[in-house]
Amino acid sequence: MHPVALAMAAVLGLTPLSPPAAAATACAPVPAVPDAAYQVAACLADLTTAGTVASGHTDPADWAGLTSAATHNPTGVPGVQIDGYFPDTSTTNATHGWNHDSQFVLRLPDRWNGGLVVSGSPGVREQYANDVAIGDWVLARGYAFAATDKGNVGTAFYRDGERPGDAIVEWNQRVTQLTRAARATAARHYGRAPRHTYAAGLSNGGYLVRWQLENHPELYDGGVDWEGTLWHPGRPNLLTFLPPVLRAYPDHSAILAAGFAPGSEFLWDYHYRVYWDLTQRIYREELDPGYDGAAEAGTPFCAPGTPACDADYHYELRPPSVRAAIARIGLTGRIQRPMITLHGTLDALLPITQDSDVYAVMVRSRHRDRIFRYYRVEDGNHVDGLYDAYPDRLRPILPCFRSAFTALTDWTERGTPPPASATLPRPTTPPPPTIGLKAARPAAGDLANSCSLG
């Protein structure tokens, strides 16, 4: 099955993960996660995906398509994993057969560096979606790692809540809740509170980093925003740039006029079939359910002129209630802790000119330049998995995330500022030949594993 199709099956609950396997080794008492309604703990020989896939403590379908197969991830991090959920009334997450939302995973490595990384899932995926892109690497560096499903999952996430925007409002609340709970749990487990806490995430997870650093600076030392979604009632958003594309597809000039980058044309057909139509309909249903009346999330791939067709959606003509719904989840740019933003120049879902370029202006208008860095990654796309199909045209962003995270910790913990904001050019030096699957250190031309910010 195609990685994206596999991931979609997972978020629709078609491949529920069995309950976590029993502990791999004898386990000392594990502290209770504050406010959790249920939890189960296991002591594992390896908290990274190299171990948790075999032991049943992760779900490969949850991260399918997000990273390149050429990515080198560390292994061999023993520690404790806690799976559980917070009280919630929605039941879209079928993982472990719990049929309960607000599920989380918390991993506590035996060799702890005193830090904690918290993340919300990208897209509408579940709590394990960041295991390969973020979890493995930060765990190997000694950080505790916590991730949440954001309180609702799947393509019908909009059914959660009573008011337009409620489901996304909950995303922010669940990250805040998990951060507080993970900090307290780590303090009880290790006998001392975390010295540093960071937010990190991609796509919707990047949006959550932005929102947390704007609204809860007391919880974090900083964050890395990887192509976060921009929500603001008076700025570009999904509902402003996707409908013109759906109306005009495959008209080349109209898609460029909507803000998509020249040079990204080879990605458009795939994104039209997999992302553009579905994304417009489900997020429009969440924020403007009245557009199609009693219908739910419109008509897939409808032709312009079809009644209530999302291709004919005009954000500027919709009632003030729509802007009010977006304002509830909106960003301001007023970050209050150091943040690094990454965005690919060939992002074919959230075009860079309609998203992070705009957010960077918002941050600067709030005079937050001194605690902000913005790196535009040349040839980066929204999901690194497509690099495997187009290695001569795309560039993975994951290695740039790792460089950015290292730069962030040097900034917050040692006072060493990162390089100035810039567009990171695609390296032209090909990687040298290596023996076996992994090189001891990533070569400068190894796009899947190397990225310099300076």
Protein backbone atom coordinates (compact mmCIF):
# COMPACT_ATOMS: atom_id res chain seq x y z
CA MET A 1 0.00 0.00 0.00
CA HIS A 2 1.25 3.52 -0.78
CA PRO A 3 2.64 5.22 2.38
CA VAL A 4 0.03 7.97 2.26
CA ALA A 5 -2.77 5.47 1.79
CA LEU A 6 -1.37 3.40 4.65
CA ALA A 7 -1.27 6.44 6.89
CA MET A 8 -4.82 7.37 5.92
CA ALA A 9 -5.97 3.87 6.82
CA ALA A 10 -4.35 4.32 10.21
CA VAL A 11 -6.01 7.64 11.00
CA LEU A 12 -9.37 6.22 9.91
CA GLY A 13 -8.95 3.44 12.45
CA LEU A 14 -8.61 0.68 9.87
CA THR A 15 -5.39 -0.70 11.35
CA PRO A 16 -5.84 -0.47 15.14
CA LEU A 17 -2.68 -1.22 17.09
CA SER A 18 -2.92 -3.95 19.69
CA PRO A 19 -2.51 -3.01 23.35
CA PRO A 20 1.16 -2.38 24.23
CA ALA A 21 3.13 -5.53 24.84
CA ALA A 22 4.28 -6.45 28.32
CA ALA A 23 7.45 -4.95 29.74
CA ALA A 24 10.61 -6.28 28.15
CA THR A 25 12.44 -6.24 31.50
CA ALA A 26 11.55 -5.97 35.17
CA CYS A 27 10.25 -2.46 35.80
CA ALA A 28 10.43 -0.36 38.94
CA PRO A 29 7.23 1.50 39.90
CA VAL A 30 6.43 4.20 37.37
CA PRO A 31 4.89 7.49 38.51
CA ALA A 32 1.30 8.27 37.62
CA VAL A 33 0.87 10.83 34.85
CA PRO A 34 -1.08 13.75 36.34
CA ASP A 35 -4.72 13.90 35.17
CA ALA A 36 -4.41 10.76 33.03
CA ALA A 37 -7.54 8.60 33.02
CA TYR A 38 -5.54 5.51 32.09
CA GLN A 39 -1.90 4.55 31.61
CA VAL A 40 0.22 1.47 31.03
CA ALA A 41 4.00 1.40 31.40
CA ALA A 42 6.77 -0.83 30.08
CA CYS A 43 10.52 -0.92 30.57
CA LEU A 44 12.04 -1.38 27.12
CA ALA A 45 15.50 -2.28 25.90
CA ASP A 46 15.09 0.28 23.10
CA LEU A 47 12.70 3.25 23.05
CA THR A 48 13.53 4.09 19.43
CA THR A 49 11.50 2.69 16.55
CA ALA A 50 14.16 0.03 15.98
CA GLY A 51 12.90 -1.53 19.19
CA THR A 52 9.33 -0.35 19.57
CA VAL A 53 8.17 -1.68 16.19
CA ALA A 54 9.11 -5.19 17.32
CA SER A 55 7.70 -4.81 20.83
CA GLY A 56 4.42 -3.24 19.73
CA HIS A 57 5.03 0.12 21.37
CA THR A 58 4.59 2.22 18.24
CA ASP A 59 2.63 2.14 14.99
CA PRO A 60 4.54 2.35 11.68
CA ALA A 61 1.36 3.28 9.81
CA ASP A 62 1.21 6.46 11.87
CA TRP A 63 4.41 7.93 10.42
CA ALA A 64 4.19 6.43 6.92
CA GLY A 65 5.25 8.84 4.17
CA LEU A 66 6.65 11.53 6.47
CA THR A 67 10.36 10.76 6.16
CA SER A 68 12.80 9.51 3.56
CA ALA A 69 13.80 5.86 3.56
CA ALA A 70 17.41 7.10 3.35
CA THR A 71 17.20 8.70 6.82
CA HIS A 72 19.70 7.37 9.36
CA ASN A 73 18.12 7.10 12.80
CA PRO A 74 19.87 6.17 16.05
CA THR A 75 18.95 3.06 18.04
CA GLY A 76 19.59 1.44 21.39
CA VAL A 77 18.02 3.80 23.97
CA PRO A 78 16.72 1.84 26.98
CA GLY A 79 14.09 3.33 29.24
CA VAL A 80 10.44 3.51 30.24
CA GLN A 81 7.48 4.09 27.93
CA ILE A 82 4.10 5.21 29.26
CA ASP A 83 1.05 5.01 27.00
CA GLY A 84 -2.28 6.37 28.10
CA TYR A 85 -5.03 8.89 27.65
CA PHE A 86 -6.54 11.90 29.35
CA PRO A 87 -10.29 12.20 30.03
CA ASP A 88 -12.17 12.98 26.80
CA THR A 89 -15.60 12.39 25.34
CA SER A 90 -14.57 11.68 21.72
CA THR A 91 -13.57 8.26 20.42
CA THR A 92 -11.88 8.70 17.04
CA ASN A 93 -8.53 7.17 18.08
CA ALA A 94 -8.80 3.37 17.85
CA THR A 95 -5.15 2.73 18.76
CA HIS A 96 -4.71 -0.14 21.25
CA GLY A 97 -8.42 -0.81 20.88
CA TRP A 98 -9.04 1.93 23.43
CA ASN A 99 -11.38 3.91 21.14
CA HIS A 100 -10.54 6.97 23.19
CA ASP A 101 -9.07 10.30 22.16
CA SER A 102 -6.39 12.39 23.88
CA GLN A 103 -3.99 9.46 23.80
CA PHE A 104 -0.35 10.20 24.56
CA VAL A 105 3.00 8.50 24.67
CA LEU A 106 5.77 9.48 27.10
CA ARG A 107 9.25 8.00 26.82
CA LEU A 108 11.78 8.37 29.64
CA PRO A 109 15.34 7.26 28.70
CA ASP A 110 17.51 5.70 31.38
CA ARG A 111 20.32 8.11 30.51
CA TRP A 112 18.56 11.46 30.83
CA ASN A 113 20.13 14.79 29.96
CA GLY A 114 17.59 16.79 31.96
CA GLY A 115 15.57 17.88 28.94
CA LEU A 116 12.07 17.24 27.59
CA VAL A 117 10.71 17.52 24.05
CA VAL A 118 6.93 17.75 23.51
CA SER A 119 5.17 17.38 20.18
CA GLY A 120 1.71 17.29 18.66
CA SER A 121 0.99 15.10 15.66
CA PRO A 122 1.11 16.39 12.07
CA GLY A 123 -1.99 16.31 9.91
CA VAL A 124 -4.75 14.28 11.54
CA ARG A 125 -2.46 11.45 12.61
CA GLU A 126 -2.09 9.76 15.98
CA GLN A 127 0.43 10.06 18.79
CA TYR A 128 3.19 7.96 17.21
CA ALA A 129 3.44 10.06 14.04
CA ASN A 130 6.60 11.87 15.23
CA ASP A 131 8.49 8.77 16.34
CA VAL A 132 10.82 8.64 13.32
CA ALA A 133 10.98 12.34 12.46
CA ILE A 134 11.60 13.61 16.01
CA GLY A 135 11.41 10.97 18.73
CA ASP A 136 14.27 8.60 17.83
CA TRP A 137 16.81 11.37 17.49
CA VAL A 138 15.96 13.38 20.61
CA LEU A 139 15.77 10.22 22.72
CA ALA A 140 19.26 9.24 21.58
CA ARG A 141 20.47 12.67 22.70
CA GLY A 142 19.07 12.02 26.17
CA TYR A 143 15.81 13.92 26.07
CA ALA A 144 12.54 12.60 27.42
CA PHE A 145 9.93 12.69 24.66
CA ALA A 146 6.17 13.19 24.88
CA ALA A 147 3.64 13.25 22.04
CA THR A 148 -0.13 13.61 21.78
CA ASP A 149 -2.82 12.77 19.23
CA LYS A 150 -4.13 16.34 19.83
CA GLY A 151 -7.50 15.14 21.14
CA ASN A 152 -9.06 14.00 17.85
CA VAL A 153 -7.78 12.16 14.79
CA GLY A 154 -8.78 11.13 11.29
CA THR A 155 -10.35 12.93 8.36
CA ALA A 156 -13.62 13.44 10.27
CA PHE A 157 -11.89 15.25 13.15
CA TYR A 158 -14.32 18.13 12.65
CA ARG A 159 -17.08 16.09 14.33
CA ASP A 160 -15.41 16.72 17.68
CA GLY A 161 -16.79 19.74 19.52
CA GLU A 162 -19.88 21.91 19.38
CA ARG A 163 -18.70 25.19 17.84
CA PRO A 164 -16.73 25.83 14.65
CA GLY A 165 -13.06 25.60 15.52
CA ASP A 166 -13.54 23.52 18.67
CA ALA A 167 -11.56 20.54 17.40
CA ILE A 168 -8.49 22.66 16.62
CA VAL A 169 -8.86 24.64 19.85
CA GLU A 170 -8.55 21.29 21.60
CA TRP A 171 -5.28 20.57 19.80
CA ASN A 172 -3.65 23.49 21.58
CA GLN A 173 -5.18 22.54 24.93
CA ARG A 174 -3.96 18.97 24.67
CA VAL A 175 -0.36 19.99 23.97
CA THR A 176 -0.43 22.31 26.97
CA GLN A 177 -1.95 19.56 29.12
CA LEU A 178 0.64 17.00 28.03
CA THR A 179 3.54 19.40 28.57
CA ARG A 180 2.52 20.05 32.16
CA ALA A 181 1.89 16.37 32.81
CA ALA A 182 5.16 15.25 31.19
CA ARG A 183 7.19 17.78 33.16
CA ALA A 184 5.65 16.57 36.42
CA THR A 185 6.07 12.90 35.50
CA ALA A 186 9.71 13.38 34.55
CA ALA A 187 10.36 15.17 37.83
CA ARG A 188 8.86 12.28 39.79
CA HIS A 189 10.64 9.63 37.74
CA TYR A 190 14.10 11.17 37.81
CA GLY A 191 13.88 12.95 41.16
CA ARG A 192 14.42 16.38 39.64
CA ALA A 193 12.48 18.67 37.34
CA PRO A 194 13.48 19.07 33.68
CA ARG A 195 16.03 21.83 33.21
CA HIS A 196 14.83 22.56 29.69
CA THR A 197 11.59 21.90 27.81
CA TYR A 198 11.21 22.31 24.05
CA ALA A 199 8.27 22.18 21.67
CA ALA A 200 8.83 20.64 18.25
CA GLY A 201 6.55 19.63 15.41
CA LEU A 202 5.86 19.58 11.70
CA SER A 203 2.83 20.77 9.71
CA ASN A 204 -0.05 20.99 12.20
CA GLY A 205 2.55 20.12 14.81
CA GLY A 206 4.53 23.19 13.72
CA TYR A 207 1.40 25.32 14.15
CA LEU A 208 1.16 23.98 17.70
CA VAL A 209 4.76 25.06 18.38
CA ARG A 210 3.92 28.58 17.24
CA TRP A 211 0.77 28.73 19.34
CA GLN A 212 2.44 27.36 22.47
CA LEU A 213 5.35 29.81 22.30
CA GLU A 214 2.91 32.67 21.79
CA ASN A 215 0.56 31.65 24.59
CA HIS A 216 2.42 29.51 27.15
CA PRO A 217 6.02 30.73 27.36
CA GLU A 218 6.15 29.63 31.01
CA LEU A 219 6.28 26.00 29.88
CA TYR A 220 9.05 26.11 27.28
CA ASP A 221 12.60 27.25 26.67
CA GLY A 222 12.05 27.36 22.92
CA GLY A 223 10.79 25.45 19.91
CA VAL A 224 11.36 24.31 16.34
CA ASP A 225 8.49 24.93 13.92
CA TRP A 226 8.74 22.72 10.84
CA GLU A 227 6.39 24.09 8.16
CA GLY A 228 3.64 25.02 10.60
CA THR A 229 0.14 25.76 9.31
CA LEU A 230 -0.75 29.45 9.37
CA TRP A 231 -4.12 30.43 10.82
CA HIS A 232 -5.13 34.09 11.03
CA PRO A 233 -8.49 35.60 10.06
CA GLY A 234 -6.90 38.35 7.99
CA ARG A 235 -3.96 36.52 6.47
CA PRO A 236 -3.56 33.76 3.87
CA ASN A 237 -4.75 30.38 5.09
CA LEU A 238 -5.84 27.05 3.64
CA LEU A 239 -9.28 28.45 2.85
CA THR A 240 -7.84 31.29 0.77
CA PHE A 241 -5.32 29.48 -1.46
CA LEU A 242 -6.77 25.99 -1.94
CA PRO A 243 -10.17 26.86 -3.51
CA PRO A 244 -8.63 28.83 -6.43
CA VAL A 245 -6.41 25.84 -7.16
CA LEU A 246 -9.34 23.42 -7.08
CA ARG A 247 -11.34 25.69 -9.39
CA ALA A 248 -8.54 26.08 -11.90
CA TYR A 249 -6.70 22.75 -11.82
CA PRO A 250 -4.78 21.93 -13.97
CA ASP A 251 -4.42 25.55 -15.18
CA HIS A 252 -0.72 26.31 -14.66
CA SER A 253 -0.96 30.09 -14.39
CA ALA A 254 -3.85 30.01 -11.92
CA ILE A 255 -2.01 27.66 -9.56
CA LEU A 256 1.06 29.89 -9.64
CA ALA A 257 -1.17 32.90 -9.01
CA ALA A 258 -2.55 31.16 -5.92
CA GLY A 259 0.97 31.19 -4.47
CA PHE A 260 2.43 27.83 -5.39
CA ALA A 261 6.09 27.93 -6.35
CA PRO A 262 7.39 27.76 -9.91
CA GLY A 263 9.29 24.49 -10.17
CA SER A 264 6.80 22.59 -8.02
CA GLU A 265 4.63 21.62 -11.00
CA PHE A 266 5.77 17.99 -10.97
CA LEU A 267 4.15 17.64 -7.53
CA TRP A 268 0.75 19.13 -8.37
CA ASP A 269 -1.07 16.09 -9.70
CA TYR A 270 -0.14 14.04 -6.64
CA HIS A 271 -1.15 16.81 -4.26
CA TYR A 272 -4.41 17.40 -6.09
CA ARG A 273 -5.33 13.72 -5.76
CA VAL A 274 -4.08 13.18 -2.20
CA TYR A 275 -4.05 16.50 -0.36
CA TRP A 276 -5.65 19.59 -1.89
CA ASP A 277 -9.26 18.49 -2.25
CA LEU A 278 -9.45 16.55 1.01
CA THR A 279 -7.65 19.23 3.01
CA GLN A 280 -9.93 22.01 1.78
CA ARG A 281 -13.09 20.08 2.53
CA ILE A 282 -12.32 18.85 6.04
CA TYR A 283 -10.81 22.11 7.34
CA ARG A 284 -13.59 24.13 5.76
CA GLU A 285 -16.10 21.83 7.51
CA GLU A 286 -14.33 22.45 10.82
CA LEU A 287 -14.30 26.24 10.45
CA ASP A 288 -17.26 26.94 8.16
CA PRO A 289 -19.74 24.04 8.41
CA GLY A 290 -22.61 26.21 7.18
CA TYR A 291 -21.18 26.48 3.67
CA ASP A 292 -22.60 23.14 2.56
CA GLY A 293 -25.62 23.11 4.86
CA ALA A 294 -26.51 19.70 6.23
CA ALA A 295 -23.89 17.99 4.07
CA GLU A 296 -20.63 16.96 5.68
CA ALA A 297 -17.29 18.06 4.22
CA GLY A 298 -18.68 18.71 0.75
CA THR A 299 -18.40 16.62 -2.38
CA PRO A 300 -15.02 15.10 -3.27
CA PHE A 301 -13.50 16.46 -6.49
CA CYS A 302 -16.69 18.30 -7.44
CA ALA A 303 -16.70 20.42 -10.60
CA PRO A 304 -17.14 24.18 -10.22
CA GLY A 305 -20.81 25.01 -10.38
CA THR A 306 -21.85 21.97 -8.37
CA PRO A 307 -24.03 23.16 -5.45
CA ALA A 308 -21.93 23.87 -2.34
CA CYS A 309 -18.76 22.77 -4.14
CA ASP A 310 -15.57 23.62 -2.28
CA ALA A 311 -13.94 24.60 -5.55
CA ASP A 312 -16.35 27.58 -5.54
CA TYR A 313 -15.54 28.56 -1.96
CA HIS A 314 -14.69 32.26 -1.54
CA TYR A 315 -13.36 33.03 1.93
CA GLU A 316 -13.76 36.78 1.49
CA LEU A 317 -17.51 36.37 0.85
CA ARG A 318 -18.23 34.21 3.87
CA PRO A 319 -19.96 35.63 6.98
CA PRO A 320 -18.03 37.14 9.91
CA SER A 321 -18.61 33.97 11.94
CA VAL A 322 -15.98 32.20 9.81
CA ARG A 323 -13.33 34.77 10.68
CA ALA A 324 -14.40 34.51 14.30
CA ALA A 325 -13.83 30.75 14.21
CA ILE A 326 -10.34 31.23 12.75
CA ALA A 327 -9.59 33.95 15.29
CA ARG A 328 -10.15 31.37 18.05
CA ILE A 329 -7.19 29.37 16.72
CA GLY A 330 -5.30 32.27 15.18
CA LEU A 331 -1.63 33.13 15.51
CA THR A 332 -0.28 36.59 16.25
CA GLY A 333 3.48 36.30 15.69
CA ARG A 334 4.08 37.36 19.30
CA ILE A 335 6.36 34.50 20.25
CA GLN A 336 7.79 34.79 23.74
CA ARG A 337 10.54 32.20 23.61
CA PRO A 338 13.26 31.50 21.00
CA MET A 339 11.90 29.77 17.93
CA ILE A 340 13.35 28.47 14.69
CA THR A 341 11.06 28.04 11.67
CA LEU A 342 11.86 25.83 8.68
CA HIS A 343 9.91 25.76 5.42
CA GLY A 344 10.61 24.18 2.04
CA THR A 345 10.55 26.39 -1.04
CA LEU A 346 8.73 23.64 -2.99
CA ASP A 347 6.10 22.93 -0.35
CA ALA A 348 3.11 21.90 -2.50
CA LEU A 349 0.58 21.79 0.34
CA LEU A 350 1.37 24.94 2.33
CA PRO A 351 3.09 27.17 -0.22
CA ILE A 352 5.88 29.09 1.43
CA THR A 353 4.73 32.50 0.18
CA GLN A 354 1.31 31.94 1.76
CA ASP A 355 2.55 30.54 5.03
CA SER A 356 5.93 30.88 6.72
CA ASP A 357 6.99 33.92 4.70
CA VAL A 358 3.85 35.59 6.05
CA TYR A 359 4.36 34.32 9.59
CA ALA A 360 7.94 35.63 9.58
CA VAL A 361 6.57 39.08 8.75
CA MET A 362 4.08 38.73 11.61
CA VAL A 363 6.88 37.85 14.03
CA ARG A 364 8.99 40.80 12.91
CA SER A 365 6.04 43.17 13.15
CA ARG A 366 5.83 42.16 16.80
CA HIS A 367 9.54 43.02 17.20
CA ARG A 368 10.50 39.46 18.05
CA ASP A 369 13.40 39.24 15.60
CA ARG A 370 15.99 38.73 18.33
CA ILE A 371 14.40 35.43 19.39
CA PHE A 372 13.47 34.21 15.91
CA ARG A 373 15.27 32.52 13.04
CA TYR A 374 13.71 31.54 9.73
CA TYR A 375 15.37 29.13 7.31
CA ARG A 376 13.84 28.63 3.88
CA VAL A 377 15.00 25.19 2.69
CA GLU A 378 15.60 25.20 -1.05
CA ASP A 379 13.77 22.31 -2.79
CA GLY A 380 12.14 21.16 0.44
CA ASN A 381 8.59 19.79 0.20
CA HIS A 382 5.90 19.36 2.85
CA VAL A 383 6.62 15.66 3.41
CA ASP A 384 10.10 14.17 3.12
CA GLY A 385 8.74 10.84 1.87
CA LEU A 386 8.45 12.23 -1.65
CA TYR A 387 12.24 12.73 -1.76
CA ASP A 388 12.57 9.00 -2.42
CA ALA A 389 10.57 9.40 -5.63
CA TYR A 390 12.32 12.63 -6.71
CA PRO A 391 15.87 12.61 -5.28
CA ASP A 392 17.10 14.86 -8.09
CA ARG A 393 14.40 17.51 -7.49
CA LEU A 394 13.59 17.52 -3.77
CA ARG A 395 15.49 17.79 -0.54
CA PRO A 396 14.44 16.36 2.86
CA ILE A 397 13.91 18.87 5.66
CA LEU A 398 14.51 16.39 8.49
CA PRO A 399 18.30 16.93 8.65
CA CYS A 400 17.69 20.68 8.74
CA PHE A 401 15.30 20.11 11.65
CA ARG A 402 18.08 18.30 13.50
CA SER A 403 20.53 21.11 12.80
CA ALA A 404 17.90 23.64 13.89
CA PHE A 405 17.20 21.79 17.12
CA THR A 406 20.90 21.68 17.93
CA ALA A 407 21.18 25.37 17.16
CA LEU A 408 18.18 26.10 19.38
CA THR A 409 19.63 24.28 22.37
CA ASP A 410 22.99 26.00 21.89
CA TRP A 411 21.07 29.30 21.81
CA THR A 412 18.95 28.73 24.91
CA GLU A 413 21.43 26.77 27.03
CA ARG A 414 24.78 28.28 26.04
CA GLY A 415 23.88 31.69 24.69
CA THR A 416 25.26 30.93 21.22
CA PRO A 417 22.97 32.54 18.62
CA PRO A 418 22.18 30.57 15.46
CA PRO A 419 23.21 31.82 12.02
CA ALA A 420 21.11 34.61 10.59
CA SER A 421 17.82 33.78 8.89
CA ALA A 422 18.46 32.73 5.30
CA THR A 423 17.50 30.54 2.38
CA LEU A 424 19.52 27.35 2.66
CA PRO A 425 20.76 26.48 -0.86
CA ARG A 426 20.61 22.90 -2.03
CA PRO A 427 24.14 21.43 -1.74
CA THR A 428 25.67 20.69 -5.10
CA THR A 429 28.37 18.29 -3.91
CA PRO A 430 27.30 14.67 -4.41
CA PRO A 431 27.75 12.35 -1.42
CA PRO A 432 30.86 10.18 -1.43
CA PRO A 433 30.34 6.42 -1.74
CA THR A 434 29.79 4.60 1.55
CA ILE A 435 30.02 0.95 2.49
CA GLY A 436 26.89 -0.56 4.00
CA LEU A 437 23.72 1.29 4.92
CA LYS A 438 25.15 3.97 7.17
CA ALA A 439 28.16 6.22 7.23
CA ALA A 440 29.84 7.02 10.55
CA ARG A 441 29.07 10.71 10.01
CA PRO A 442 26.72 12.20 7.41
CA ALA A 443 28.58 13.52 4.38
CA ALA A 444 28.00 17.10 3.28
CA GLY A 445 26.25 15.96 0.12
CA ASP A 446 24.02 13.39 1.85
CA LEU A 447 20.77 15.31 1.56
CA ALA A 448 18.80 12.86 3.68
CA ASN A 449 21.14 13.19 6.65
CA SER A 450 23.07 16.44 6.41
CA CYS A 451 22.07 20.12 6.53
CA SER A 452 24.06 23.20 7.43
CA LEU A 453 22.29 26.35 8.65
CA GLY A 454 25.29 28.57 8.10
